[in-house]
Every structure is written in structure tokens, then in C-alpha cells.
Amino acid sequence: TTFDEICRGCGRSVVEVAHWVSMS
């Protein structure tokens, strides 16, 4: 996420990555 808040590998935002395990 060097250049923005979106992961260049999976396309998720930093928040989505951080909360993935608790998301419905």
C-alpha cells in the first residue's frame, strides 16, 4: 500500500484487510 490505501496485490483497502476476519 506504498502509494495509496489500496493493496496492489488483492485490491482491498487497508481497512478491509484489517477487518477481513470479522466481516460478514
PDB file of all heavy atoms in Angstrom:
ATOM      1  N   THR A   1       0.851  -1.186   0.000  1.00  0.00           N
ATOM      2  CA  THR A   1       0.000   0.000   0.000  1.00  0.00           C
ATOM      3  C   THR A   1       0.888   1.237   0.000  1.00  0.00           C
ATOM      4  O   THR A   1       0.563   2.253   0.582  1.00  0.00           O
ATOM      5  CB  THR A   1      -0.943   0.005   1.221  1.00  0.00           C
ATOM      6  OG1 THR A   1      -0.157  -0.148   2.403  1.00  0.00           O
ATOM      7  CG2 THR A   1      -1.966  -1.101   1.136  1.00  0.00           C
ATOM      8  N   THR A   2       2.015   1.149  -0.696  1.00  0.00           N
ATOM      9  CA  THR A   2       3.011   2.212  -0.707  1.00  0.00           C
ATOM     10  C   THR A   2       2.477   3.537  -1.238  1.00  0.00           C
ATOM     11  O   THR A   2       2.765   4.578  -0.698  1.00  0.00           O
ATOM     12  CB  THR A   2       4.229   1.786  -1.552  1.00  0.00           C
ATOM     13  OG1 THR A   2       4.749   0.569  -1.012  1.00  0.00           O
ATOM     14  CG2 THR A   2       5.328   2.840  -1.527  1.00  0.00           C
ATOM     15  N   PHE A   3       1.696   3.503  -2.309  1.00  0.00           N
ATOM     16  CA  PHE A   3       1.292   4.738  -2.963  1.00  0.00           C
ATOM     17  C   PHE A   3      -0.107   5.218  -2.609  1.00  0.00           C
ATOM     18  O   PHE A   3      -0.462   6.351  -2.872  1.00  0.00           O
ATOM     19  CB  PHE A   3       1.417   4.577  -4.479  1.00  0.00           C
ATOM     20  CG  PHE A   3       2.823   4.226  -4.894  1.00  0.00           C
ATOM     21  CD1 PHE A   3       3.127   2.954  -5.330  1.00  0.00           C
ATOM     22  CD2 PHE A   3       3.845   5.160  -4.797  1.00  0.00           C
ATOM     23  CE1 PHE A   3       4.425   2.614  -5.690  1.00  0.00           C
ATOM     24  CE2 PHE A   3       5.140   4.831  -5.154  1.00  0.00           C
ATOM     25  CZ  PHE A   3       5.428   3.562  -5.599  1.00  0.00           C
ATOM     26  N   ASP A   4      -0.924   4.327  -2.050  1.00  0.00           N
ATOM     27  CA  ASP A   4      -2.274   4.722  -1.647  1.00  0.00           C
ATOM     28  C   ASP A   4      -2.802   3.721  -0.626  1.00  0.00           C
ATOM     29  O   ASP A   4      -2.051   2.927  -0.099  1.00  0.00           O
ATOM     30  CB  ASP A   4      -3.215   4.849  -2.851  1.00  0.00           C
ATOM     31  CG  ASP A   4      -3.309   3.569  -3.667  1.00  0.00           C
ATOM     32  OD1 ASP A   4      -3.129   2.469  -3.104  1.00  0.00           O
ATOM     33  OD2 ASP A   4      -3.575   3.667  -4.877  1.00  0.00           O
ATOM     34  N   GLU A   5      -4.085   3.747  -0.372  1.00  0.00           N
ATOM     35  CA  GLU A   5      -4.699   2.895   0.655  1.00  0.00           C
ATOM     36  C   GLU A   5      -5.201   1.564   0.107  1.00  0.00           C
ATOM     37  O   GLU A   5      -5.887   0.841   0.808  1.00  0.00           O
ATOM     38  CB  GLU A   5      -5.857   3.647   1.316  1.00  0.00           C
ATOM     39  CG  GLU A   5      -5.417   4.872   2.090  1.00  0.00           C
ATOM     40  CD  GLU A   5      -4.663   4.517   3.363  1.00  0.00           C
ATOM     41  OE1 GLU A   5      -5.141   3.662   4.127  1.00  0.00           O
ATOM     42  OE2 GLU A   5      -3.584   5.088   3.583  1.00  0.00           O
ATOM     43  N   ILE A   6      -4.875   1.246  -1.160  1.00  0.00           N
ATOM     44  CA  ILE A   6      -5.341   0.012  -1.787  1.00  0.00           C
ATOM     45  C   ILE A   6      -4.160  -0.932  -1.987  1.00  0.00           C
ATOM     46  O   ILE A   6      -3.130  -0.548  -2.541  1.00  0.00           O
ATOM     47  CB  ILE A   6      -6.013   0.294  -3.154  1.00  0.00           C
ATOM     48  CG1 ILE A   6      -7.190   1.257  -2.982  1.00  0.00           C
ATOM     49  CG2 ILE A   6      -6.440  -0.994  -3.835  1.00  0.00           C
ATOM     50  CD1 ILE A   6      -8.316   0.748  -2.103  1.00  0.00           C
ATOM     51  N   CYS A   7      -4.317  -2.175  -1.564  1.00  0.00           N
ATOM     52  CA  CYS A   7      -3.266  -3.169  -1.728  1.00  0.00           C
ATOM     53  C   CYS A   7      -3.087  -3.470  -3.211  1.00  0.00           C
ATOM     54  O   CYS A   7      -4.049  -3.773  -3.911  1.00  0.00           O
ATOM     55  CB  CYS A   7      -3.601  -4.450  -0.968  1.00  0.00           C
ATOM     56  SG  CYS A   7      -2.357  -5.747  -1.205  1.00  0.00           S
ATOM     57  N   ARG A   8      -1.854  -3.428  -3.692  1.00  0.00           N
ATOM     58  CA  ARG A   8      -1.565  -3.670  -5.104  1.00  0.00           C
ATOM     59  C   ARG A   8      -1.718  -5.143  -5.472  1.00  0.00           C
ATOM     60  O   ARG A   8      -1.792  -5.481  -6.647  1.00  0.00           O
ATOM     61  CB  ARG A   8      -0.163  -3.184  -5.425  1.00  0.00           C
ATOM     62  CG  ARG A   8      -0.028  -1.686  -5.253  1.00  0.00           C
ATOM     63  CD  ARG A   8       1.409  -1.230  -5.399  1.00  0.00           C
ATOM     64  NE  ARG A   8       1.967  -1.597  -6.684  1.00  0.00           N
ATOM     65  CZ  ARG A   8       2.086  -0.787  -7.724  1.00  0.00           C
ATOM     66  NH1 ARG A   8       1.671   0.461  -7.600  1.00  0.00           N
ATOM     67  NH2 ARG A   8       2.610  -1.187  -8.851  1.00  0.00           N
ATOM     68  N   GLY A   9      -1.771  -6.024  -4.490  1.00  0.00           N
ATOM     69  CA  GLY A   9      -1.928  -7.450  -4.763  1.00  0.00           C
ATOM     70  C   GLY A   9      -3.375  -7.897  -4.799  1.00  0.00           C
ATOM     71  O   GLY A   9      -3.820  -8.530  -5.747  1.00  0.00           O
ATOM     72  N   CYS A  10      -4.134  -7.543  -3.753  1.00  0.00           N
ATOM     73  CA  CYS A  10      -5.506  -8.063  -3.666  1.00  0.00           C
ATOM     74  C   CYS A  10      -6.578  -7.029  -3.981  1.00  0.00           C
ATOM     75  O   CYS A  10      -7.728  -7.390  -4.207  1.00  0.00           O
ATOM     76  CB  CYS A  10      -5.773  -8.666  -2.285  1.00  0.00           C
ATOM     77  SG  CYS A  10      -5.862  -7.466  -0.945  1.00  0.00           S
ATOM     78  N   GLY A  11      -6.237  -5.758  -3.976  1.00  0.00           N
ATOM     79  CA  GLY A  11      -7.218  -4.726  -4.312  1.00  0.00           C
ATOM     80  C   GLY A  11      -8.078  -4.243  -3.161  1.00  0.00           C
ATOM     81  O   GLY A  11      -8.925  -3.383  -3.341  1.00  0.00           O
ATOM     82  N   ARG A  12      -7.856  -4.806  -1.963  1.00  0.00           N
ATOM     83  CA  ARG A  12      -8.644  -4.360  -0.813  1.00  0.00           C
ATOM     84  C   ARG A  12      -8.030  -3.114  -0.203  1.00  0.00           C
ATOM     85  O   ARG A  12      -6.832  -2.869  -0.296  1.00  0.00           O
ATOM     86  CB  ARG A  12      -8.693  -5.447   0.259  1.00  0.00           C
ATOM     87  CG  ARG A  12      -9.447  -6.682  -0.166  1.00  0.00           C
ATOM     88  CD  ARG A  12      -9.406  -7.751   0.893  1.00  0.00           C
ATOM     89  NE  ARG A  12      -8.040  -8.247   1.066  1.00  0.00           N
ATOM     90  CZ  ARG A  12      -7.653  -9.040   2.061  1.00  0.00           C
ATOM     91  NH1 ARG A  12      -8.520  -9.415   2.994  1.00  0.00           N
ATOM     92  NH2 ARG A  12      -6.405  -9.459   2.132  1.00  0.00           N
ATOM     93  N   SER A  13      -8.877  -2.339   0.453  1.00  0.00           N
ATOM     94  CA  SER A  13      -8.376  -1.180   1.185  1.00  0.00           C
ATOM     95  C   SER A  13      -7.684  -1.650   2.461  1.00  0.00           C
ATOM     96  O   SER A  13      -7.873  -2.793   2.904  1.00  0.00           O
ATOM     97  CB  SER A  13      -9.531  -0.235   1.550  1.00  0.00           C
ATOM     98  OG  SER A  13     -10.346  -0.831   2.546  1.00  0.00           O
ATOM     99  N   VAL A  14      -6.916  -0.772   3.050  1.00  0.00           N
ATOM    100  CA  VAL A  14      -6.233  -1.092   4.310  1.00  0.00           C
ATOM    101  C   VAL A  14      -7.259  -1.497   5.373  1.00  0.00           C
ATOM    102  O   VAL A  14      -7.050  -2.450   6.117  1.00  0.00           O
ATOM    103  CB  VAL A  14      -5.388   0.113   4.785  1.00  0.00           C
ATOM    104  CG1 VAL A  14      -4.831  -0.116   6.167  1.00  0.00           C
ATOM    105  CG2 VAL A  14      -4.277   0.402   3.796  1.00  0.00           C
ATOM    106  N   VAL A  15      -8.380  -0.804   5.422  1.00  0.00           N
ATOM    107  CA  VAL A  15      -9.436  -1.107   6.399  1.00  0.00           C
ATOM    108  C   VAL A  15     -10.036  -2.483   6.126  1.00  0.00           C
ATOM    109  O   VAL A  15     -10.259  -3.269   7.047  1.00  0.00           O
ATOM    110  CB  VAL A  15     -10.518  -0.005   6.396  1.00  0.00           C
ATOM    111  CG1 VAL A  15     -11.710  -0.399   7.248  1.00  0.00           C
ATOM    112  CG2 VAL A  15      -9.929   1.315   6.858  1.00  0.00           C
ATOM    113  N   GLU A  16     -10.292  -2.797   4.857  1.00  0.00           N
ATOM    114  CA  GLU A  16     -10.844  -4.110   4.511  1.00  0.00           C
ATOM    115  C   GLU A  16      -9.893  -5.234   4.900  1.00  0.00           C
ATOM    116  O   GLU A  16     -10.315  -6.265   5.422  1.00  0.00           O
ATOM    117  CB  GLU A  16     -11.164  -4.184   3.021  1.00  0.00           C
ATOM    118  CG  GLU A  16     -12.337  -3.321   2.634  1.00  0.00           C
ATOM    119  CD  GLU A  16     -12.474  -3.101   1.147  1.00  0.00           C
ATOM    120  OE1 GLU A  16     -11.493  -3.282   0.390  1.00  0.00           O
ATOM    121  OE2 GLU A  16     -13.594  -2.736   0.731  1.00  0.00           O
ATOM    122  N   VAL A  17      -8.602  -5.042   4.655  1.00  0.00           N
ATOM    123  CA  VAL A  17      -7.608  -6.051   5.038  1.00  0.00           C
ATOM    124  C   VAL A  17      -7.619  -6.236   6.552  1.00  0.00           C
ATOM    125  O   VAL A  17      -7.659  -7.356   7.057  1.00  0.00           O
ATOM    126  CB  VAL A  17      -6.198  -5.658   4.547  1.00  0.00           C
ATOM    127  CG1 VAL A  17      -5.136  -6.586   5.128  1.00  0.00           C
ATOM    128  CG2 VAL A  17      -6.129  -5.669   3.021  1.00  0.00           C
ATOM    129  N   ALA A  18      -7.617  -5.135   7.281  1.00  0.00           N
ATOM    130  CA  ALA A  18      -7.557  -5.185   8.748  1.00  0.00           C
ATOM    131  C   ALA A  18      -8.791  -5.845   9.354  1.00  0.00           C
ATOM    132  O   ALA A  18      -8.689  -6.538  10.369  1.00  0.00           O
ATOM    133  CB  ALA A  18      -7.396  -3.777   9.317  1.00  0.00           C
ATOM    134  N   HIS A  19      -9.954  -5.660   8.738  1.00  0.00           N
ATOM    135  CA  HIS A  19     -11.206  -6.171   9.314  1.00  0.00           C
ATOM    136  C   HIS A  19     -11.733  -7.433   8.640  1.00  0.00           C
ATOM    137  O   HIS A  19     -12.816  -7.898   8.980  1.00  0.00           O
ATOM    138  CB  HIS A  19     -12.280  -5.088   9.263  1.00  0.00           C
ATOM    139  CG  HIS A  19     -11.963  -3.884  10.102  1.00  0.00           C
ATOM    140  ND1 HIS A  19     -11.191  -3.919  11.225  1.00  0.00           N
ATOM    141  CD2 HIS A  19     -12.315  -2.589   9.967  1.00  0.00           C
ATOM    142  CE1 HIS A  19     -11.086  -2.718  11.743  1.00  0.00           C
ATOM    143  NE2 HIS A  19     -11.751  -1.885  10.997  1.00  0.00           N
ATOM    144  N   TRP A  20     -10.982  -7.977   7.694  1.00  0.00           N
ATOM    145  CA  TRP A  20     -11.470  -9.104   6.897  1.00  0.00           C
ATOM    146  C   TRP A  20     -11.996 -10.250   7.751  1.00  0.00           C
ATOM    147  O   TRP A  20     -13.059 -10.788   7.485  1.00  0.00           O
ATOM    148  CB  TRP A  20     -10.369  -9.594   5.962  1.00  0.00           C
ATOM    149  CG  TRP A  20     -10.856 -10.606   4.974  1.00  0.00           C
ATOM    150  CD1 TRP A  20     -10.667 -11.958   5.035  1.00  0.00           C
ATOM    151  CD2 TRP A  20     -11.619 -10.361   3.801  1.00  0.00           C
ATOM    152  NE1 TRP A  20     -11.263 -12.565   3.961  1.00  0.00           N
ATOM    153  CE2 TRP A  20     -11.857 -11.602   3.182  1.00  0.00           C
ATOM    154  CE3 TRP A  20     -12.126  -9.215   3.192  1.00  0.00           C
ATOM    155  CZ2 TRP A  20     -12.575 -11.720   1.998  1.00  0.00           C
ATOM    156  CZ3 TRP A  20     -12.833  -9.337   2.018  1.00  0.00           C
ATOM    157  CH2 TRP A  20     -13.059 -10.577   1.434  1.00  0.00           C
ATOM    158  N   VAL A  21     -11.257 -10.645   8.783  1.00  0.00           N
ATOM    159  CA  VAL A  21     -11.659 -11.808   9.582  1.00  0.00           C
ATOM    160  C   VAL A  21     -12.969 -11.579  10.338  1.00  0.00           C
ATOM    161  O   VAL A  21     -13.669 -12.533  10.649  1.00  0.00           O
ATOM    162  CB  VAL A  21     -10.552 -12.272  10.555  1.00  0.00           C
ATOM    163  CG1 VAL A  21      -9.336 -12.745   9.792  1.00  0.00           C
ATOM    164  CG2 VAL A  21     -10.183 -11.180  11.525  1.00  0.00           C
ATOM    165  N   SER A  22     -13.311 -10.330  10.610  1.00  0.00           N
ATOM    166  CA  SER A  22     -14.536 -10.060  11.355  1.00  0.00           C
ATOM    167  C   SER A  22     -15.693  -9.615  10.457  1.00  0.00           C
ATOM    168  O   SER A  22     -16.798  -9.394  10.943  1.00  0.00           O
ATOM    169  CB  SER A  22     -14.281  -9.000  12.431  1.00  0.00           C
ATOM    170  OG  SER A  22     -13.890  -7.782  11.843  1.00  0.00           O
ATOM    171  N   MET A  23     -15.469  -9.525   9.157  1.00  0.00           N
ATOM    172  CA  MET A  23     -16.525  -9.111   8.232  1.00  0.00           C
ATOM    173  C   MET A  23     -17.518 -10.245   8.013  1.00  0.00           C
ATOM    174  O   MET A  23     -17.154 -11.423   8.045  1.00  0.00           O
ATOM    175  CB  MET A  23     -15.919  -8.692   6.882  1.00  0.00           C
ATOM    176  CG  MET A  23     -15.141  -7.395   6.936  1.00  0.00           C
ATOM    177  SD  MET A  23     -14.251  -7.034   5.399  1.00  0.00           S
ATOM    178  CE  MET A  23     -15.601  -6.722   4.278  1.00  0.00           C
ATOM    179  N   SER A  24     -18.761  -9.895   7.762  1.00  0.00           N
ATOM    180  CA  SER A  24     -19.786 -10.898   7.446  1.00  0.00           C
ATOM    181  C   SER A  24     -19.505 -11.461   6.050  1.00  0.00           C
ATOM    182  O   SER A  24     -18.809 -10.832   5.234  1.00  0.00           O
ATOM    183  CB  SER A  24     -21.174 -10.269   7.475  1.00  0.00           C
ATOM    184  OG  SER A  24     -21.341  -9.396   6.372  1.00  0.00           O
TER     185      SER A  24
END
